[in-house]
Amino acid sequence: MNLDDQFDLEHLFLKERVCRVCGEEKNLIDGFYLTRKNRGGNASSYSYECKLCTIKRISDTRKKKIITWEYPDW
């Protein structure tokens, strides 16, 4: 009885995950960022927020550079 023949790598790791922000089910490896690089890439090493929602959150909360320059009134 060989365990390698019975189990595949797909059975051990989740392939799909639901994003906590948008609620869509996406591929774990392609749709989510890896948060812990030293763990070897198991399912708990990926974030719970998809890449698109992360990009949207960062761009919305980034400080806007508004430059209003006026000539000094001497």
PDB file of N, CA and C in Angstrom:
ATOM      1  N   MET A   1       0.845  -1.174   0.000  1.00  0.00           N
ATOM      2  CA  MET A   1       0.000   0.000   0.000  1.00  0.00           C
ATOM      3  C   MET A   1       0.893   1.241   0.000  1.00  0.00           C
ATOM      4  N   ASN A   2       0.897   1.954  -1.102  1.00  0.00           N
ATOM      5  CA  ASN A   2       1.724   3.131  -1.262  1.00  0.00           C
ATOM      6  C   ASN A   2       0.848   4.382  -1.146  1.00  0.00           C
ATOM      7  N   LEU A   3       1.199   5.262  -0.216  1.00  0.00           N
ATOM      8  CA  LEU A   3       0.390   6.467   0.000  1.00  0.00           C
ATOM      9  C   LEU A   3       0.548   7.473  -1.125  1.00  0.00           C
ATOM     10  N   ASP A   4       1.679   7.466  -1.802  1.00  0.00           N
ATOM     11  CA  ASP A   4       1.891   8.405  -2.906  1.00  0.00           C
ATOM     12  C   ASP A   4       0.919   8.156  -4.060  1.00  0.00           C
ATOM     13  N   ASP A   5       0.517   6.928  -4.252  1.00  0.00           N
ATOM     14  CA  ASP A   5      -0.424   6.614  -5.315  1.00  0.00           C
ATOM     15  C   ASP A   5      -1.857   7.005  -4.950  1.00  0.00           C
ATOM     16  N   GLN A   6      -2.179   6.995  -3.665  1.00  0.00           N
ATOM     17  CA  GLN A   6      -3.540   7.276  -3.239  1.00  0.00           C
ATOM     18  C   GLN A   6      -3.841   8.762  -3.119  1.00  0.00           C
ATOM     19  N   PHE A   7      -2.849   9.544  -2.719  1.00  0.00           N
ATOM     20  CA  PHE A   7      -3.061  10.970  -2.509  1.00  0.00           C
ATOM     21  C   PHE A   7      -2.264  11.775  -3.522  1.00  0.00           C
ATOM     22  N   ASP A   8      -2.886  12.834  -3.946  1.00  0.00           N
ATOM     23  CA  ASP A   8      -2.236  13.762  -4.858  1.00  0.00           C
ATOM     24  C   ASP A   8      -2.013  15.067  -4.094  1.00  0.00           C
ATOM     25  N   LEU A   9      -1.167  15.921  -4.593  1.00  0.00           N
ATOM     26  CA  LEU A   9      -0.905  17.183  -3.926  1.00  0.00           C
ATOM     27  C   LEU A   9      -2.159  18.048  -3.877  1.00  0.00           C
ATOM     28  N   GLU A  10      -3.048  17.900  -4.831  1.00  0.00           N
ATOM     29  CA  GLU A  10      -4.295  18.660  -4.860  1.00  0.00           C
ATOM     30  C   GLU A  10      -5.201  18.302  -3.691  1.00  0.00           C
ATOM     31  N   HIS A  11      -5.111  17.077  -3.180  1.00  0.00           N
ATOM     32  CA  HIS A  11      -5.956  16.661  -2.068  1.00  0.00           C
ATOM     33  C   HIS A  11      -5.488  17.271  -0.752  1.00  0.00           C
ATOM     34  N   LEU A  12      -4.217  17.581  -0.647  1.00  0.00           N
ATOM     35  CA  LEU A  12      -3.693  18.087   0.612  1.00  0.00           C
ATOM     36  C   LEU A  12      -3.888  19.589   0.784  1.00  0.00           C
ATOM     37  N   PHE A  13      -3.873  20.343  -0.294  1.00  0.00           N
ATOM     38  CA  PHE A  13      -3.989  21.794  -0.222  1.00  0.00           C
ATOM     39  C   PHE A  13      -5.290  22.256  -0.873  1.00  0.00           C
ATOM     40  N   LEU A  14      -5.809  23.333  -0.358  1.00  0.00           N
ATOM     41  CA  LEU A  14      -7.007  23.920  -0.955  1.00  0.00           C
ATOM     42  C   LEU A  14      -6.647  24.552  -2.289  1.00  0.00           C
ATOM     43  N   LYS A  15      -7.506  24.401  -3.248  1.00  0.00           N
ATOM     44  CA  LYS A  15      -7.272  25.001  -4.555  1.00  0.00           C
ATOM     45  C   LYS A  15      -8.082  26.268  -4.736  1.00  0.00           C
ATOM     46  N   GLU A  16      -9.181  26.397  -4.053  1.00  0.00           N
ATOM     47  CA  GLU A  16     -10.056  27.547  -4.179  1.00  0.00           C
ATOM     48  C   GLU A  16     -10.253  28.162  -2.799  1.00  0.00           C
ATOM     49  N   ARG A  17     -10.427  29.483  -2.772  1.00  0.00           N
ATOM     50  CA  ARG A  17     -10.697  30.189  -1.522  1.00  0.00           C
ATOM     51  C   ARG A  17     -11.650  31.330  -1.829  1.00  0.00           C
ATOM     52  N   VAL A  18     -12.500  31.650  -0.864  1.00  0.00           N
ATOM     53  CA  VAL A  18     -13.460  32.739  -1.005  1.00  0.00           C
ATOM     54  C   VAL A  18     -12.847  33.985  -0.378  1.00  0.00           C
ATOM     55  N   CYS A  19     -12.867  35.071  -1.126  1.00  0.00           N
ATOM     56  CA  CYS A  19     -12.340  36.352  -0.647  1.00  0.00           C
ATOM     57  C   CYS A  19     -13.272  36.901   0.422  1.00  0.00           C
ATOM     58  N   ARG A  20     -12.700  37.417   1.508  1.00  0.00           N
ATOM     59  CA  ARG A  20     -13.516  37.958   2.592  1.00  0.00           C
ATOM     60  C   ARG A  20     -14.134  39.305   2.241  1.00  0.00           C
ATOM     61  N   VAL A  21     -13.576  40.000   1.268  1.00  0.00           N
ATOM     62  CA  VAL A  21     -14.070  41.334   0.936  1.00  0.00           C
ATOM     63  C   VAL A  21     -15.152  41.265  -0.138  1.00  0.00           C
ATOM     64  N   CYS A  22     -14.827  40.667  -1.274  1.00  0.00           N
ATOM     65  CA  CYS A  22     -15.783  40.657  -2.391  1.00  0.00           C
ATOM     66  C   CYS A  22     -16.650  39.399  -2.408  1.00  0.00           C
ATOM     67  N   GLY A  23     -16.258  38.339  -1.733  1.00  0.00           N
ATOM     68  CA  GLY A  23     -17.059  37.133  -1.644  1.00  0.00           C
ATOM     69  C   GLY A  23     -16.945  36.204  -2.843  1.00  0.00           C
ATOM     70  N   GLU A  24     -16.038  36.495  -3.766  1.00  0.00           N
ATOM     71  CA  GLU A  24     -15.865  35.643  -4.937  1.00  0.00           C
ATOM     72  C   GLU A  24     -14.909  34.489  -4.623  1.00  0.00           C
ATOM     73  N   GLU A  25     -15.162  33.354  -5.248  1.00  0.00           N
ATOM     74  CA  GLU A  25     -14.295  32.202  -5.087  1.00  0.00           C
ATOM     75  C   GLU A  25     -13.237  32.249  -6.179  1.00  0.00           C
ATOM     76  N   LYS A  26     -11.956  32.257  -5.761  1.00  0.00           N
ATOM     77  CA  LYS A  26     -10.854  32.387  -6.710  1.00  0.00           C
ATOM     78  C   LYS A  26      -9.808  31.328  -6.422  1.00  0.00           C
ATOM     79  N   ASN A  27      -8.940  31.128  -7.405  1.00  0.00           N
ATOM     80  CA  ASN A  27      -7.848  30.185  -7.269  1.00  0.00           C
ATOM     81  C   ASN A  27      -6.899  30.677  -6.188  1.00  0.00           C
ATOM     82  N   LEU A  28      -6.467  29.769  -5.327  1.00  0.00           N
ATOM     83  CA  LEU A  28      -5.640  30.143  -4.187  1.00  0.00           C
ATOM     84  C   LEU A  28      -4.281  30.669  -4.616  1.00  0.00           C
ATOM     85  N   ILE A  29      -3.654  30.022  -5.558  1.00  0.00           N
ATOM     86  CA  ILE A  29      -2.296  30.386  -5.942  1.00  0.00           C
ATOM     87  C   ILE A  29      -2.281  31.627  -6.827  1.00  0.00           C
ATOM     88  N   ASP A  30      -3.212  31.743  -7.753  1.00  0.00           N
ATOM     89  CA  ASP A  30      -3.225  32.868  -8.680  1.00  0.00           C
ATOM     90  C   ASP A  30      -3.978  34.081  -8.144  1.00  0.00           C
ATOM     91  N   GLY A  31      -4.941  33.888  -7.271  1.00  0.00           N
ATOM     92  CA  GLY A  31      -5.812  34.976  -6.860  1.00  0.00           C
ATOM     93  C   GLY A  31      -5.476  35.624  -5.534  1.00  0.00           C
ATOM     94  N   PHE A  32      -4.557  35.041  -4.756  1.00  0.00           N
ATOM     95  CA  PHE A  32      -4.254  35.554  -3.427  1.00  0.00           C
ATOM     96  C   PHE A  32      -2.752  35.715  -3.255  1.00  0.00           C
ATOM     97  N   TYR A  33      -2.368  36.701  -2.425  1.00  0.00           N
ATOM     98  CA  TYR A  33      -0.959  36.937  -2.153  1.00  0.00           C
ATOM     99  C   TYR A  33      -0.442  35.965  -1.109  1.00  0.00           C
ATOM    100  N   LEU A  34       0.810  35.570  -1.253  1.00  0.00           N
ATOM    101  CA  LEU A  34       1.496  34.739  -0.277  1.00  0.00           C
ATOM    102  C   LEU A  34       2.004  35.647   0.830  1.00  0.00           C
ATOM    103  N   THR A  35       1.581  35.405   2.073  1.00  0.00           N
ATOM    104  CA  THR A  35       1.954  36.295   3.170  1.00  0.00           C
ATOM    105  C   THR A  35       3.152  35.796   3.955  1.00  0.00           C
ATOM    106  N   ARG A  36       3.340  34.517   4.060  1.00  0.00           N
ATOM    107  CA  ARG A  36       4.473  33.955   4.798  1.00  0.00           C
ATOM    108  C   ARG A  36       5.361  33.195   3.823  1.00  0.00           C
ATOM    109  N   LYS A  37       6.479  33.777   3.485  1.00  0.00           N
ATOM    110  CA  LYS A  37       7.338  33.176   2.472  1.00  0.00           C
ATOM    111  C   LYS A  37       8.184  32.036   3.013  1.00  0.00           C
ATOM    112  N   ASN A  38       8.383  31.970   4.306  1.00  0.00           N
ATOM    113  CA  ASN A  38       9.253  30.939   4.860  1.00  0.00           C
ATOM    114  C   ASN A  38       8.526  29.647   5.210  1.00  0.00           C
ATOM    115  N   ARG A  39       7.236  29.572   4.990  1.00  0.00           N
ATOM    116  CA  ARG A  39       6.468  28.380   5.376  1.00  0.00           C
ATOM    117  C   ARG A  39       6.372  27.325   4.285  1.00  0.00           C
ATOM    118  N   GLY A  40       6.751  27.626   3.085  1.00  0.00           N
ATOM    119  CA  GLY A  40       6.712  26.625   2.036  1.00  0.00           C
ATOM    120  C   GLY A  40       5.471  26.652   1.171  1.00  0.00           C
ATOM    121  N   GLY A  41       4.590  27.608   1.342  1.00  0.00           N
ATOM    122  CA  GLY A  41       3.464  27.770   0.444  1.00  0.00           C
ATOM    123  C   GLY A  41       2.253  26.913   0.742  1.00  0.00           C
ATOM    124  N   ASN A  42       2.032  26.506   2.002  1.00  0.00           N
ATOM    125  CA  ASN A  42       0.806  25.767   2.276  1.00  0.00           C
ATOM    126  C   ASN A  42      -0.373  26.738   2.347  1.00  0.00           C
ATOM    127  N   ALA A  43      -1.562  26.224   2.445  1.00  0.00           N
ATOM    128  CA  ALA A  43      -2.779  27.030   2.292  1.00  0.00           C
ATOM    129  C   ALA A  43      -2.904  28.125   3.345  1.00  0.00           C
ATOM    130  N   SER A  44      -2.377  27.909   4.533  1.00  0.00           N
ATOM    131  CA  SER A  44      -2.486  28.936   5.568  1.00  0.00           C
ATOM    132  C   SER A  44      -1.516  30.083   5.342  1.00  0.00           C
ATOM    133  N   SER A  45      -0.633  29.965   4.377  1.00  0.00           N
ATOM    134  CA  SER A  45       0.333  31.024   4.092  1.00  0.00           C
ATOM    135  C   SER A  45      -0.217  32.076   3.148  1.00  0.00           C
ATOM    136  N   TYR A  46      -1.420  31.894   2.643  1.00  0.00           N
ATOM    137  CA  TYR A  46      -2.011  32.845   1.713  1.00  0.00           C
ATOM    138  C   TYR A  46      -2.997  33.751   2.447  1.00  0.00           C
ATOM    139  N   SER A  47      -3.132  34.981   1.967  1.00  0.00           N
ATOM    140  CA  SER A  47      -4.035  35.937   2.608  1.00  0.00           C
ATOM    141  C   SER A  47      -5.487  35.546   2.338  1.00  0.00           C
ATOM    142  N   TYR A  48      -6.392  36.186   3.068  1.00  0.00           N
ATOM    143  CA  TYR A  48      -7.820  35.929   2.889  1.00  0.00           C
ATOM    144  C   TYR A  48      -8.492  37.009   2.059  1.00  0.00           C
ATOM    145  N   GLU A  49      -7.693  37.956   1.576  1.00  0.00           N
ATOM    146  CA  GLU A  49      -8.190  39.033   0.728  1.00  0.00           C
ATOM    147  C   GLU A  49      -7.543  38.855  -0.640  1.00  0.00           C
ATOM    148  N   CYS A  50      -8.332  38.820  -1.705  1.00  0.00           N
ATOM    149  CA  CYS A  50      -7.800  38.547  -3.037  1.00  0.00           C
ATOM    150  C   CYS A  50      -6.922  39.699  -3.518  1.00  0.00           C
ATOM    151  N   LYS A  51      -6.168  39.455  -4.564  1.00  0.00           N
ATOM    152  CA  LYS A  51      -5.227  40.444  -5.084  1.00  0.00           C
ATOM    153  C   LYS A  51      -5.930  41.709  -5.557  1.00  0.00           C
ATOM    154  N   LEU A  52      -7.060  41.564  -6.225  1.00  0.00           N
ATOM    155  CA  LEU A  52      -7.776  42.738  -6.733  1.00  0.00           C
ATOM    156  C   LEU A  52      -8.312  43.608  -5.598  1.00  0.00           C
ATOM    157  N   CYS A  53      -8.840  42.998  -4.544  1.00  0.00           N
ATOM    158  CA  CYS A  53      -9.344  43.761  -3.409  1.00  0.00           C
ATOM    159  C   CYS A  53      -8.197  44.413  -2.640  1.00  0.00           C
ATOM    160  N   THR A  54      -7.048  43.752  -2.562  1.00  0.00           N
ATOM    161  CA  THR A  54      -5.888  44.324  -1.901  1.00  0.00           C
ATOM    162  C   THR A  54      -5.389  45.551  -2.646  1.00  0.00           C
ATOM    163  N   ILE A  55      -5.315  45.461  -3.968  1.00  0.00           N
ATOM    164  CA  ILE A  55      -4.861  46.590  -4.781  1.00  0.00           C
ATOM    165  C   ILE A  55      -5.833  47.761  -4.645  1.00  0.00           C
ATOM    166  N   LYS A  56      -7.134  47.462  -4.649  1.00  0.00           N
ATOM    167  CA  LYS A  56      -8.141  48.519  -4.515  1.00  0.00           C
ATOM    168  C   LYS A  56      -8.053  49.176  -3.141  1.00  0.00           C
ATOM    169  N   ARG A  57      -7.868  48.397  -2.077  1.00  0.00           N
ATOM    170  CA  ARG A  57      -7.776  48.938  -0.721  1.00  0.00           C
ATOM    171  C   ARG A  57      -6.545  49.833  -0.566  1.00  0.00           C
ATOM    172  N   ILE A  58      -5.416  49.400  -1.097  1.00  0.00           N
ATOM    173  CA  ILE A  58      -4.187  50.180  -0.979  1.00  0.00           C
ATOM    174  C   ILE A  58      -4.293  51.473  -1.767  1.00  0.00           C
ATOM    175  N   SER A  59      -4.833  51.409  -2.970  1.00  0.00           N
ATOM    176  CA  SER A  59      -4.929  52.621  -3.784  1.00  0.00           C
ATOM    177  C   SER A  59      -5.963  53.601  -3.224  1.00  0.00           C
ATOM    178  N   ASP A  60      -7.002  53.116  -2.559  1.00  0.00           N
ATOM    179  CA  ASP A  60      -7.998  54.011  -1.972  1.00  0.00           C
ATOM    180  C   ASP A  60      -7.483  54.688  -0.703  1.00  0.00           C
ATOM    181  N   THR A  61      -6.668  53.992   0.071  1.00  0.00           N
ATOM    182  CA  THR A  61      -6.198  54.544   1.335  1.00  0.00           C
ATOM    183  C   THR A  61      -4.870  55.272   1.213  1.00  0.00           C
ATOM    184  N   ARG A  62      -4.246  55.221   0.066  1.00  0.00           N
ATOM    185  CA  ARG A  62      -2.978  55.921  -0.127  1.00  0.00           C
ATOM    186  C   ARG A  62      -3.213  57.430  -0.089  1.00  0.00           C
ATOM    187  N   LYS A  63      -2.305  58.124   0.537  1.00  0.00           N
ATOM    188  CA  LYS A  63      -2.440  59.574   0.669  1.00  0.00           C
ATOM    189  C   LYS A  63      -2.313  60.230  -0.700  1.00  0.00           C
ATOM    190  N   LYS A  64      -3.266  61.062  -0.999  1.00  0.00           N
ATOM    191  CA  LYS A  64      -3.265  61.769  -2.268  1.00  0.00           C
ATOM    192  C   LYS A  64      -2.303  62.941  -2.193  1.00  0.00           C
ATOM    193  N   LYS A  65      -1.517  63.134  -3.231  1.00  0.00           N
ATOM    194  CA  LYS A  65      -0.573  64.242  -3.280  1.00  0.00           C
ATOM    195  C   LYS A  65      -1.252  65.432  -3.950  1.00  0.00           C
ATOM    196  N   ILE A  66      -1.707  66.348  -3.138  1.00  0.00           N
ATOM    197  CA  ILE A  66      -2.351  67.560  -3.644  1.00  0.00           C
ATOM    198  C   ILE A  66      -1.393  68.720  -3.384  1.00  0.00           C
ATOM    199  N   ILE A  67      -0.917  69.292  -4.424  1.00  0.00           N
ATOM    200  CA  ILE A  67       0.027  70.395  -4.304  1.00  0.00           C
ATOM    201  C   ILE A  67      -0.676  71.667  -4.748  1.00  0.00           C
ATOM    202  N   THR A  68      -0.833  72.565  -3.804  1.00  0.00           N
ATOM    203  CA  THR A  68      -1.406  73.876  -4.107  1.00  0.00           C
ATOM    204  C   THR A  68      -0.325  74.896  -3.802  1.00  0.00           C
ATOM    205  N   TRP A  69       0.279  75.381  -4.824  1.00  0.00           N
ATOM    206  CA  TRP A  69       1.369  76.333  -4.658  1.00  0.00           C
ATOM    207  C   TRP A  69       0.896  77.701  -5.077  1.00  0.00           C
ATOM    208  N   GLU A  70       1.154  78.638  -4.209  1.00  0.00           N
ATOM    209  CA  GLU A  70       0.809  80.014  -4.493  1.00  0.00           C
ATOM    210  C   GLU A  70       2.062  80.863  -4.382  1.00  0.00           C
ATOM    211  N   TYR A  71       2.101  81.896  -5.174  1.00  0.00           N
ATOM    212  CA  TYR A  71       3.215  82.822  -5.110  1.00  0.00           C
ATOM    213  C   TYR A  71       3.146  83.596  -3.802  1.00  0.00           C
ATOM    214  N   PRO A  72       4.254  83.683  -3.076  1.00  0.00           N
ATOM    215  CA  PRO A  72       4.202  84.385  -1.780  1.00  0.00           C
ATOM    216  C   PRO A  72       3.859  85.860  -1.934  1.00  0.00           C
ATOM    217  N   ASP A  73       3.032  86.335  -1.065  1.00  0.00           N
ATOM    218  CA  ASP A  73       2.595  87.717  -1.096  1.00  0.00           C
ATOM    219  C   ASP A  73       3.489  88.540  -0.179  1.00  0.00           C
ATOM    220  N   TRP A  74       4.518  89.178  -0.728  1.00  0.00           N
ATOM    221  CA  TRP A  74       5.452  89.970   0.081  1.00  0.00           C
ATOM    222  C   TRP A  74       5.069  91.388   0.094  1.00  0.00           C
TER     223      TRP A  74
END
